[in-house]
All heavy atoms as atom14 arrays in JSON, in Angstrom:
{
  "sequence": "GDEVITTPITFAASSNSVLYCGATPVFADIDYATYNIDPKSIEEKITD",
  "atom14_mask": [
    [1, 1, 1, 1, 0, 0, 0, 0, 0, 0, 0, 0, 0, 0],
    [1, 1, 1, 1, 1, 1, 1, 1, 0, 0, 0, 0, 0, 0],
    [1, 1, 1, 1, 1, 1, 1, 1, 1, 0, 0, 0, 0, 0],
    [1, 1, 1, 1, 1, 1, 1, 0, 0, 0, 0, 0, 0, 0],
    [1, 1, 1, 1, 1, 1, 1, 1, 0, 0, 0, 0, 0, 0],
    [1, 1, 1, 1, 1, 1, 1, 0, 0, 0, 0, 0, 0, 0],
    [1, 1, 1, 1, 1, 1, 1, 0, 0, 0, 0, 0, 0, 0],
    [1, 1, 1, 1, 1, 1, 1, 0, 0, 0, 0, 0, 0, 0],
    [1, 1, 1, 1, 1, 1, 1, 1, 0, 0, 0, 0, 0, 0],
    [1, 1, 1, 1, 1, 1, 1, 0, 0, 0, 0, 0, 0, 0],
    [1, 1, 1, 1, 1, 1, 1, 1, 1, 1, 1, 0, 0, 0],
    [1, 1, 1, 1, 1, 0, 0, 0, 0, 0, 0, 0, 0, 0],
    [1, 1, 1, 1, 1, 0, 0, 0, 0, 0, 0, 0, 0, 0],
    [1, 1, 1, 1, 1, 1, 0, 0, 0, 0, 0, 0, 0, 0],
    [1, 1, 1, 1, 1, 1, 0, 0, 0, 0, 0, 0, 0, 0],
    [1, 1, 1, 1, 1, 1, 1, 1, 0, 0, 0, 0, 0, 0],
    [1, 1, 1, 1, 1, 1, 0, 0, 0, 0, 0, 0, 0, 0],
    [1, 1, 1, 1, 1, 1, 1, 0, 0, 0, 0, 0, 0, 0],
    [1, 1, 1, 1, 1, 1, 1, 1, 0, 0, 0, 0, 0, 0],
    [1, 1, 1, 1, 1, 1, 1, 1, 1, 1, 1, 1, 0, 0],
    [1, 1, 1, 1, 1, 1, 0, 0, 0, 0, 0, 0, 0, 0],
    [1, 1, 1, 1, 0, 0, 0, 0, 0, 0, 0, 0, 0, 0],
    [1, 1, 1, 1, 1, 0, 0, 0, 0, 0, 0, 0, 0, 0],
    [1, 1, 1, 1, 1, 1, 1, 0, 0, 0, 0, 0, 0, 0],
    [1, 1, 1, 1, 1, 1, 1, 0, 0, 0, 0, 0, 0, 0],
    [1, 1, 1, 1, 1, 1, 1, 0, 0, 0, 0, 0, 0, 0],
    [1, 1, 1, 1, 1, 1, 1, 1, 1, 1, 1, 0, 0, 0],
    [1, 1, 1, 1, 1, 0, 0, 0, 0, 0, 0, 0, 0, 0],
    [1, 1, 1, 1, 1, 1, 1, 1, 0, 0, 0, 0, 0, 0],
    [1, 1, 1, 1, 1, 1, 1, 1, 0, 0, 0, 0, 0, 0],
    [1, 1, 1, 1, 1, 1, 1, 1, 0, 0, 0, 0, 0, 0],
    [1, 1, 1, 1, 1, 1, 1, 1, 1, 1, 1, 1, 0, 0],
    [1, 1, 1, 1, 1, 0, 0, 0, 0, 0, 0, 0, 0, 0],
    [1, 1, 1, 1, 1, 1, 1, 0, 0, 0, 0, 0, 0, 0],
    [1, 1, 1, 1, 1, 1, 1, 1, 1, 1, 1, 1, 0, 0],
    [1, 1, 1, 1, 1, 1, 1, 1, 0, 0, 0, 0, 0, 0],
    [1, 1, 1, 1, 1, 1, 1, 1, 0, 0, 0, 0, 0, 0],
    [1, 1, 1, 1, 1, 1, 1, 1, 0, 0, 0, 0, 0, 0],
    [1, 1, 1, 1, 1, 1, 1, 0, 0, 0, 0, 0, 0, 0],
    [1, 1, 1, 1, 1, 1, 1, 1, 1, 0, 0, 0, 0, 0],
    [1, 1, 1, 1, 1, 1, 0, 0, 0, 0, 0, 0, 0, 0],
    [1, 1, 1, 1, 1, 1, 1, 1, 0, 0, 0, 0, 0, 0],
    [1, 1, 1, 1, 1, 1, 1, 1, 1, 0, 0, 0, 0, 0],
    [1, 1, 1, 1, 1, 1, 1, 1, 1, 0, 0, 0, 0, 0],
    [1, 1, 1, 1, 1, 1, 1, 1, 1, 0, 0, 0, 0, 0],
    [1, 1, 1, 1, 1, 1, 1, 1, 0, 0, 0, 0, 0, 0],
    [1, 1, 1, 1, 1, 1, 1, 0, 0, 0, 0, 0, 0, 0],
    [1, 1, 1, 1, 1, 1, 1, 1, 0, 0, 0, 0, 0, 0]
  ],
  "atom14_positions": [
    [[99.02, 133.0, 127.22], [98.52, 132.8, 128.58], [97.31, 131.89, 128.66], [96.97, 131.41, 129.74], [0.0, 0.0, 0.0], [0.0, 0.0, 0.0], [0.0, 0.0, 0.0], [0.0, 0.0, 0.0], [0.0, 0.0, 0.0], [0.0, 0.0, 0.0], [0.0, 0.0, 0.0], [0.0, 0.0, 0.0], [0.0, 0.0, 0.0], [0.0, 0.0, 0.0]],
    [[96.68, 131.62, 127.5], [95.52, 130.73, 127.48], [95.98, 129.28, 127.31], [96.98, 129.0, 126.66], [94.6, 131.07, 126.31], [93.96, 132.44, 126.46], [93.74, 132.87, 127.6], [93.67, 133.08, 125.42], [0.0, 0.0, 0.0], [0.0, 0.0, 0.0], [0.0, 0.0, 0.0], [0.0, 0.0, 0.0], [0.0, 0.0, 0.0], [0.0, 0.0, 0.0]],
    [[95.22, 128.36, 127.89], [95.45, 126.94, 127.71], [94.26, 126.32, 126.99], [93.11, 126.71, 127.21], [95.65, 126.24, 129.05], [96.93, 126.66, 129.77], [97.11, 125.98, 131.12], [96.14, 125.33, 131.59], [98.21, 126.11, 131.7], [0.0, 0.0, 0.0], [0.0, 0.0, 0.0], [0.0, 0.0, 0.0], [0.0, 0.0, 0.0], [0.0, 0.0, 0.0]],
    [[94.56, 125.36, 126.13], [93.53, 124.68, 125.35], [93.75, 123.17, 125.49], [94.83, 122.67, 125.19], [93.57, 125.08, 123.87], [92.48, 124.34, 123.09], [93.4, 126.59, 123.72], [0.0, 0.0, 0.0], [0.0, 0.0, 0.0], [0.0, 0.0, 0.0], [0.0, 0.0, 0.0], [0.0, 0.0, 0.0], [0.0, 0.0, 0.0], [0.0, 0.0, 0.0]],
    [[92.72, 122.47, 125.93], [92.84, 121.02, 126.15], [92.47, 120.28, 124.87], [91.44, 120.56, 124.24], [91.94, 120.59, 127.31], [92.38, 121.28, 128.6], [91.96, 119.07, 127.47], [91.46, 121.04, 129.78], [0.0, 0.0, 0.0], [0.0, 0.0, 0.0], [0.0, 0.0, 0.0], [0.0, 0.0, 0.0], [0.0, 0.0, 0.0], [0.0, 0.0, 0.0]],
    [[93.32, 119.34, 124.48], [93.05, 118.51, 123.3], [93.64, 117.13, 123.52], [94.16, 116.82, 124.59], [93.6, 119.18, 122.02], [93.11, 118.47, 120.88], [95.13, 119.21, 122.01], [0.0, 0.0, 0.0], [0.0, 0.0, 0.0], [0.0, 0.0, 0.0], [0.0, 0.0, 0.0], [0.0, 0.0, 0.0], [0.0, 0.0, 0.0], [0.0, 0.0, 0.0]],
    [[93.54, 116.29, 122.51], [94.0, 114.91, 122.58], [95.34, 114.76, 121.87], [95.6, 115.46, 120.89], [92.98, 113.96, 121.92], [93.53, 112.64, 121.84], [92.65, 114.41, 120.51], [0.0, 0.0, 0.0], [0.0, 0.0, 0.0], [0.0, 0.0, 0.0], [0.0, 0.0, 0.0], [0.0, 0.0, 0.0], [0.0, 0.0, 0.0], [0.0, 0.0, 0.0]],
    [[96.19, 113.84, 122.32], [97.44, 113.58, 121.6], [97.26, 112.62, 120.43], [98.13, 112.53, 119.57], [98.35, 112.96, 122.66], [97.41, 112.26, 123.58], [96.15, 113.1, 123.61], [0.0, 0.0, 0.0], [0.0, 0.0, 0.0], [0.0, 0.0, 0.0], [0.0, 0.0, 0.0], [0.0, 0.0, 0.0], [0.0, 0.0, 0.0], [0.0, 0.0, 0.0]],
    [[96.14, 111.9, 120.39], [95.91, 110.94, 119.31], [95.13, 111.66, 118.2], [93.91, 111.59, 118.08], [95.15, 109.69, 119.81], [95.98, 108.99, 120.88], [94.85, 108.73, 118.66], [97.32, 108.43, 120.37], [0.0, 0.0, 0.0], [0.0, 0.0, 0.0], [0.0, 0.0, 0.0], [0.0, 0.0, 0.0], [0.0, 0.0, 0.0], [0.0, 0.0, 0.0]],
    [[95.89, 112.4, 117.41], [95.33, 113.23, 116.36], [96.47, 113.68, 115.46], [97.64, 113.52, 115.8], [94.61, 114.46, 116.95], [94.03, 115.24, 115.89], [95.58, 115.35, 117.72], [0.0, 0.0, 0.0], [0.0, 0.0, 0.0], [0.0, 0.0, 0.0], [0.0, 0.0, 0.0], [0.0, 0.0, 0.0], [0.0, 0.0, 0.0], [0.0, 0.0, 0.0]],
    [[96.13, 114.24, 114.31], [97.15, 114.87, 113.49], [97.62, 116.14, 114.19], [96.85, 116.78, 114.91], [96.59, 115.18, 112.1], [97.61, 115.71, 111.14], [98.7, 114.94, 110.79], [97.48, 116.97, 110.61], [99.65, 115.42, 109.9], [98.42, 117.46, 109.72], [99.52, 116.68, 109.36], [0.0, 0.0, 0.0], [0.0, 0.0, 0.0], [0.0, 0.0, 0.0]],
    [[98.86, 116.51, 113.95], [99.48, 117.62, 114.69], [98.72, 118.94, 114.57], [98.83, 119.8, 115.44], [100.92, 117.8, 114.23], [0.0, 0.0, 0.0], [0.0, 0.0, 0.0], [0.0, 0.0, 0.0], [0.0, 0.0, 0.0], [0.0, 0.0, 0.0], [0.0, 0.0, 0.0], [0.0, 0.0, 0.0], [0.0, 0.0, 0.0], [0.0, 0.0, 0.0]],
    [[97.94, 119.1, 113.51], [97.24, 120.37, 113.29], [96.31, 120.74, 114.44], [96.1, 121.93, 114.71], [96.44, 120.3, 111.99], [0.0, 0.0, 0.0], [0.0, 0.0, 0.0], [0.0, 0.0, 0.0], [0.0, 0.0, 0.0], [0.0, 0.0, 0.0], [0.0, 0.0, 0.0], [0.0, 0.0, 0.0], [0.0, 0.0, 0.0], [0.0, 0.0, 0.0]],
    [[95.74, 119.74, 115.12], [94.79, 120.04, 116.2], [95.43, 120.89, 117.28], [94.8, 121.8, 117.83], [94.25, 118.74, 116.81], [93.67, 117.92, 115.84], [0.0, 0.0, 0.0], [0.0, 0.0, 0.0], [0.0, 0.0, 0.0], [0.0, 0.0, 0.0], [0.0, 0.0, 0.0], [0.0, 0.0, 0.0], [0.0, 0.0, 0.0], [0.0, 0.0, 0.0]],
    [[96.68, 120.59, 117.63], [97.37, 121.37, 118.65], [98.25, 122.46, 118.05], [98.44, 123.51, 118.66], [98.21, 120.46, 119.55], [99.11, 119.69, 118.77], [0.0, 0.0, 0.0], [0.0, 0.0, 0.0], [0.0, 0.0, 0.0], [0.0, 0.0, 0.0], [0.0, 0.0, 0.0], [0.0, 0.0, 0.0], [0.0, 0.0, 0.0], [0.0, 0.0, 0.0]],
    [[98.77, 122.23, 116.83], [99.56, 123.29, 116.19], [98.75, 124.58, 116.07], [99.28, 125.68, 116.24], [99.98, 122.86, 114.78], [101.12, 121.86, 114.78], [101.68, 121.54, 115.83], [101.46, 121.35, 113.61], [0.0, 0.0, 0.0], [0.0, 0.0, 0.0], [0.0, 0.0, 0.0], [0.0, 0.0, 0.0], [0.0, 0.0, 0.0], [0.0, 0.0, 0.0]],
    [[97.46, 124.45, 115.79], [96.62, 125.64, 115.6], [96.48, 126.44, 116.88], [96.28, 127.66, 116.84], [95.25, 125.22, 115.07], [95.39, 124.58, 113.82], [0.0, 0.0, 0.0], [0.0, 0.0, 0.0], [0.0, 0.0, 0.0], [0.0, 0.0, 0.0], [0.0, 0.0, 0.0], [0.0, 0.0, 0.0], [0.0, 0.0, 0.0], [0.0, 0.0, 0.0]],
    [[96.58, 125.76, 118.0], [96.6, 126.45, 119.3], [97.88, 127.26, 119.43], [97.87, 128.43, 119.83], [96.46, 125.43, 120.45], [96.61, 126.12, 121.8], [95.13, 124.68, 120.34], [0.0, 0.0, 0.0], [0.0, 0.0, 0.0], [0.0, 0.0, 0.0], [0.0, 0.0, 0.0], [0.0, 0.0, 0.0], [0.0, 0.0, 0.0], [0.0, 0.0, 0.0]],
    [[98.99, 126.64, 119.04], [100.29, 127.33, 119.1], [100.33, 128.52, 118.14], [100.94, 129.54, 118.46], [101.42, 126.35, 118.75], [101.67, 125.21, 119.74], [102.68, 124.23, 119.17], [102.18, 125.76, 121.07], [0.0, 0.0, 0.0], [0.0, 0.0, 0.0], [0.0, 0.0, 0.0], [0.0, 0.0, 0.0], [0.0, 0.0, 0.0], [0.0, 0.0, 0.0]],
    [[99.71, 128.39, 116.97], [99.7, 129.5, 116.01], [99.16, 130.78, 116.66], [99.56, 131.88, 116.29], [98.81, 129.19, 114.81], [99.25, 128.04, 113.93], [98.32, 127.4, 113.1], [100.56, 127.57, 113.91], [98.69, 126.35, 112.29], [100.92, 126.51, 113.1], [99.99, 125.91, 112.29], [100.34, 124.86, 111.48], [0.0, 0.0, 0.0], [0.0, 0.0, 0.0]],
    [[98.23, 130.6, 117.6], [97.59, 131.75, 118.23], [98.32, 132.21, 119.5], [97.87, 133.15, 120.16], [96.14, 131.42, 118.57], [95.11, 131.14, 117.11], [0.0, 0.0, 0.0], [0.0, 0.0, 0.0], [0.0, 0.0, 0.0], [0.0, 0.0, 0.0], [0.0, 0.0, 0.0], [0.0, 0.0, 0.0], [0.0, 0.0, 0.0], [0.0, 0.0, 0.0]],
    [[99.41, 131.52, 119.84], [100.18, 131.9, 121.02], [99.72, 131.24, 122.3], [100.28, 131.51, 123.37], [0.0, 0.0, 0.0], [0.0, 0.0, 0.0], [0.0, 0.0, 0.0], [0.0, 0.0, 0.0], [0.0, 0.0, 0.0], [0.0, 0.0, 0.0], [0.0, 0.0, 0.0], [0.0, 0.0, 0.0], [0.0, 0.0, 0.0], [0.0, 0.0, 0.0]],
    [[98.71, 130.4, 122.21], [98.2, 129.7, 123.4], [98.96, 128.39, 123.6], [99.8, 128.0, 122.79], [96.71, 129.45, 123.25], [0.0, 0.0, 0.0], [0.0, 0.0, 0.0], [0.0, 0.0, 0.0], [0.0, 0.0, 0.0], [0.0, 0.0, 0.0], [0.0, 0.0, 0.0], [0.0, 0.0, 0.0], [0.0, 0.0, 0.0], [0.0, 0.0, 0.0]],
    [[98.65, 127.68, 124.68], [99.38, 126.48, 125.06], [98.48, 125.25, 124.99], [97.45, 125.19, 125.67], [99.91, 126.61, 126.5], [100.78, 127.75, 126.56], [100.67, 125.36, 126.93], [0.0, 0.0, 0.0], [0.0, 0.0, 0.0], [0.0, 0.0, 0.0], [0.0, 0.0, 0.0], [0.0, 0.0, 0.0], [0.0, 0.0, 0.0], [0.0, 0.0, 0.0]],
    [[98.85, 124.25, 124.19], [98.08, 123.0, 124.19], [98.34, 122.2, 125.48], [99.47, 122.11, 125.95], [98.63, 122.23, 122.99], [99.46, 123.2, 122.21], [99.93, 124.22, 123.19], [0.0, 0.0, 0.0], [0.0, 0.0, 0.0], [0.0, 0.0, 0.0], [0.0, 0.0, 0.0], [0.0, 0.0, 0.0], [0.0, 0.0, 0.0], [0.0, 0.0, 0.0]],
    [[97.27, 121.64, 126.01], [97.35, 120.75, 127.18], [96.72, 119.43, 126.75], [95.57, 119.41, 126.3], [96.61, 121.35, 128.38], [96.58, 120.35, 129.53], [97.26, 122.66, 128.82], [0.0, 0.0, 0.0], [0.0, 0.0, 0.0], [0.0, 0.0, 0.0], [0.0, 0.0, 0.0], [0.0, 0.0, 0.0], [0.0, 0.0, 0.0], [0.0, 0.0, 0.0]],
    [[97.46, 118.34, 126.88], [96.99, 117.06, 126.36], [96.27, 116.26, 127.44], [96.83, 115.97, 128.5], [98.15, 116.26, 125.79], [98.75, 116.9, 124.57], [99.94, 117.62, 124.66], [98.12, 116.83, 123.34], [100.49, 118.22, 123.55], [98.65, 117.44, 122.21], [99.85, 118.14, 122.32], [0.0, 0.0, 0.0], [0.0, 0.0, 0.0], [0.0, 0.0, 0.0]],
    [[95.01, 115.92, 127.15], [94.22, 115.03, 128.01], [94.3, 113.63, 127.44], [94.47, 113.44, 126.23], [92.77, 115.5, 128.08], [0.0, 0.0, 0.0], [0.0, 0.0, 0.0], [0.0, 0.0, 0.0], [0.0, 0.0, 0.0], [0.0, 0.0, 0.0], [0.0, 0.0, 0.0], [0.0, 0.0, 0.0], [0.0, 0.0, 0.0], [0.0, 0.0, 0.0]],
    [[94.16, 112.63, 128.29], [94.26, 111.25, 127.84], [92.97, 110.81, 127.13], [91.94, 111.49, 127.19], [94.55, 110.33, 129.03], [95.38, 109.11, 128.64], [95.52, 108.84, 127.44], [95.89, 108.42, 129.56], [0.0, 0.0, 0.0], [0.0, 0.0, 0.0], [0.0, 0.0, 0.0], [0.0, 0.0, 0.0], [0.0, 0.0, 0.0], [0.0, 0.0, 0.0]],
    [[93.06, 109.65, 126.49], [91.93, 109.1, 125.76], [91.2, 108.05, 126.58], [91.73, 107.51, 127.54], [92.39, 108.48, 124.43], [93.38, 107.33, 124.69], [92.98, 109.53, 123.52], [93.61, 106.43, 123.49], [0.0, 0.0, 0.0], [0.0, 0.0, 0.0], [0.0, 0.0, 0.0], [0.0, 0.0, 0.0], [0.0, 0.0, 0.0], [0.0, 0.0, 0.0]],
    [[89.97, 107.77, 126.19], [89.25, 106.6, 126.65], [89.82, 105.42, 125.88], [89.78, 105.39, 124.64], [87.76, 106.78, 126.35], [86.91, 105.6, 126.81], [87.3, 104.45, 126.52], [85.86, 105.83, 127.41], [0.0, 0.0, 0.0], [0.0, 0.0, 0.0], [0.0, 0.0, 0.0], [0.0, 0.0, 0.0], [0.0, 0.0, 0.0], [0.0, 0.0, 0.0]],
    [[90.36, 104.44, 126.58], [91.08, 103.36, 125.9], [90.16, 102.48, 125.05], [90.63, 101.8, 124.13], [91.82, 102.48, 126.92], [92.87, 101.62, 126.28], [94.06, 102.17, 125.82], [92.67, 100.25, 126.12], [95.03, 101.38, 125.2], [93.63, 99.45, 125.52], [94.81, 100.02, 125.06], [95.75, 99.24, 124.45], [0.0, 0.0, 0.0], [0.0, 0.0, 0.0]],
    [[88.86, 102.52, 125.3], [87.93, 101.7, 124.52], [87.52, 102.39, 123.22], [87.44, 101.75, 122.17], [86.7, 101.38, 125.35], [0.0, 0.0, 0.0], [0.0, 0.0, 0.0], [0.0, 0.0, 0.0], [0.0, 0.0, 0.0], [0.0, 0.0, 0.0], [0.0, 0.0, 0.0], [0.0, 0.0, 0.0], [0.0, 0.0, 0.0], [0.0, 0.0, 0.0]],
    [[87.26, 103.7, 123.28], [86.76, 104.43, 122.1], [87.85, 105.16, 121.33], [87.64, 105.54, 120.18], [85.71, 105.47, 122.51], [86.34, 106.51, 123.29], [84.59, 104.84, 123.33], [0.0, 0.0, 0.0], [0.0, 0.0, 0.0], [0.0, 0.0, 0.0], [0.0, 0.0, 0.0], [0.0, 0.0, 0.0], [0.0, 0.0, 0.0], [0.0, 0.0, 0.0]],
    [[89.0, 105.39, 121.98], [90.14, 106.12, 121.42], [89.92, 107.63, 121.36], [90.81, 108.37, 120.94], [90.53, 105.62, 120.02], [90.69, 104.13, 119.87], [90.74, 103.55, 118.6], [90.8, 103.28, 120.97], [90.9, 102.18, 118.44], [90.95, 101.9, 120.82], [90.98, 101.35, 119.55], [91.12, 99.99, 119.4], [0.0, 0.0, 0.0], [0.0, 0.0, 0.0]],
    [[88.75, 108.09, 121.77], [88.47, 109.52, 121.79], [88.87, 110.13, 123.14], [89.03, 109.42, 124.14], [86.98, 109.78, 121.55], [86.67, 109.99, 120.08], [87.53, 110.37, 119.29], [85.42, 109.75, 119.69], [0.0, 0.0, 0.0], [0.0, 0.0, 0.0], [0.0, 0.0, 0.0], [0.0, 0.0, 0.0], [0.0, 0.0, 0.0], [0.0, 0.0, 0.0]],
    [[89.0, 111.44, 123.17], [89.38, 112.15, 124.39], [88.42, 111.81, 125.52], [87.2, 111.72, 125.33], [89.44, 113.67, 124.11], [90.16, 114.4, 125.25], [88.07, 114.24, 123.83], [90.51, 115.84, 124.91], [0.0, 0.0, 0.0], [0.0, 0.0, 0.0], [0.0, 0.0, 0.0], [0.0, 0.0, 0.0], [0.0, 0.0, 0.0], [0.0, 0.0, 0.0]],
    [[88.96, 111.61, 126.71], [88.19, 111.17, 127.88], [87.72, 112.39, 128.67], [88.54, 113.17, 129.15], [89.09, 110.29, 128.75], [88.35, 109.66, 129.92], [87.21, 110.07, 130.21], [88.92, 108.76, 130.56], [0.0, 0.0, 0.0], [0.0, 0.0, 0.0], [0.0, 0.0, 0.0], [0.0, 0.0, 0.0], [0.0, 0.0, 0.0], [0.0, 0.0, 0.0]],
    [[86.42, 112.59, 128.81], [85.93, 113.73, 129.58], [86.5, 113.8, 131.0], [86.74, 114.91, 131.51], [84.41, 113.52, 129.61], [84.13, 112.71, 128.38], [85.31, 111.81, 128.21], [0.0, 0.0, 0.0], [0.0, 0.0, 0.0], [0.0, 0.0, 0.0], [0.0, 0.0, 0.0], [0.0, 0.0, 0.0], [0.0, 0.0, 0.0], [0.0, 0.0, 0.0]],
    [[86.73, 112.65, 131.63], [87.3, 112.67, 132.99], [88.71, 113.27, 132.98], [89.08, 114.04, 133.87], [87.34, 111.26, 133.57], [85.99, 110.61, 133.81], [86.15, 109.27, 134.5], [84.81, 108.59, 134.73], [84.18, 108.18, 133.46], [0.0, 0.0, 0.0], [0.0, 0.0, 0.0], [0.0, 0.0, 0.0], [0.0, 0.0, 0.0], [0.0, 0.0, 0.0]],
    [[89.48, 112.94, 131.96], [90.83, 113.5, 131.84], [90.78, 114.98, 131.53], [91.61, 115.76, 132.01], [91.62, 112.76, 130.76], [92.96, 113.2, 130.73], [0.0, 0.0, 0.0], [0.0, 0.0, 0.0], [0.0, 0.0, 0.0], [0.0, 0.0, 0.0], [0.0, 0.0, 0.0], [0.0, 0.0, 0.0], [0.0, 0.0, 0.0], [0.0, 0.0, 0.0]],
    [[89.79, 115.41, 130.75], [89.61, 116.84, 130.49], [89.43, 117.59, 131.8], [90.08, 118.61, 132.07], [88.41, 117.09, 129.56], [88.69, 116.57, 128.16], [88.06, 118.58, 129.51], [87.5, 116.65, 127.21], [0.0, 0.0, 0.0], [0.0, 0.0, 0.0], [0.0, 0.0, 0.0], [0.0, 0.0, 0.0], [0.0, 0.0, 0.0], [0.0, 0.0, 0.0]],
    [[88.52, 117.08, 132.64], [88.25, 117.73, 133.94], [89.53, 117.85, 134.77], [89.77, 118.88, 135.41], [87.21, 116.92, 134.72], [85.78, 117.15, 134.28], [85.14, 118.34, 134.99], [85.87, 119.2, 135.53], [83.89, 118.41, 134.98], [0.0, 0.0, 0.0], [0.0, 0.0, 0.0], [0.0, 0.0, 0.0], [0.0, 0.0, 0.0], [0.0, 0.0, 0.0]],
    [[90.34, 116.82, 134.74], [91.58, 116.82, 135.53], [92.58, 117.86, 135.04], [93.44, 118.31, 135.81], [92.21, 115.43, 135.49], [91.4, 114.36, 136.2], [91.9, 112.95, 135.91], [92.88, 112.82, 135.12], [91.32, 112.0, 136.44], [0.0, 0.0, 0.0], [0.0, 0.0, 0.0], [0.0, 0.0, 0.0], [0.0, 0.0, 0.0], [0.0, 0.0, 0.0]],
    [[92.5, 118.22, 133.76], [93.48, 119.13, 133.16], [93.07, 120.6, 133.22], [93.87, 121.48, 132.88], [93.72, 118.74, 131.7], [94.21, 117.31, 131.49], [95.65, 117.12, 131.91], [96.13, 115.71, 131.61], [97.56, 115.52, 131.86], [0.0, 0.0, 0.0], [0.0, 0.0, 0.0], [0.0, 0.0, 0.0], [0.0, 0.0, 0.0], [0.0, 0.0, 0.0]],
    [[91.86, 120.89, 133.65], [91.37, 122.26, 133.64], [92.04, 123.09, 134.73], [92.18, 122.65, 135.88], [89.84, 122.3, 133.8], [89.17, 121.77, 132.52], [89.34, 123.71, 134.09], [87.67, 121.63, 132.62], [0.0, 0.0, 0.0], [0.0, 0.0, 0.0], [0.0, 0.0, 0.0], [0.0, 0.0, 0.0], [0.0, 0.0, 0.0], [0.0, 0.0, 0.0]],
    [[92.48, 124.29, 134.35], [93.03, 125.26, 135.29], [92.33, 126.6, 135.07], [91.47, 126.72, 134.19], [94.55, 125.45, 135.08], [94.77, 126.16, 133.84], [95.28, 124.11, 135.04], [0.0, 0.0, 0.0], [0.0, 0.0, 0.0], [0.0, 0.0, 0.0], [0.0, 0.0, 0.0], [0.0, 0.0, 0.0], [0.0, 0.0, 0.0], [0.0, 0.0, 0.0]],
    [[92.75, 127.61, 135.83], [92.15, 128.93, 135.63], [92.61, 129.58, 134.33], [92.1, 130.63, 133.93], [92.44, 129.85, 136.82], [93.93, 130.02, 137.08], [94.76, 129.46, 136.32], [94.28, 130.72, 138.05], [0.0, 0.0, 0.0], [0.0, 0.0, 0.0], [0.0, 0.0, 0.0], [0.0, 0.0, 0.0], [0.0, 0.0, 0.0], [0.0, 0.0, 0.0]]
  ]
}
């Protein structure tokens, strides 16, 4: 029932570990300049 926000540009372990615990990975987009997860996209993906 929990959701965890992460990036798709990573090795699978970053999100697999969320699945190991029964939670759901939610993928936020990256900043195209730095290649790191974009805080604005994180905000857009947040739910209760």
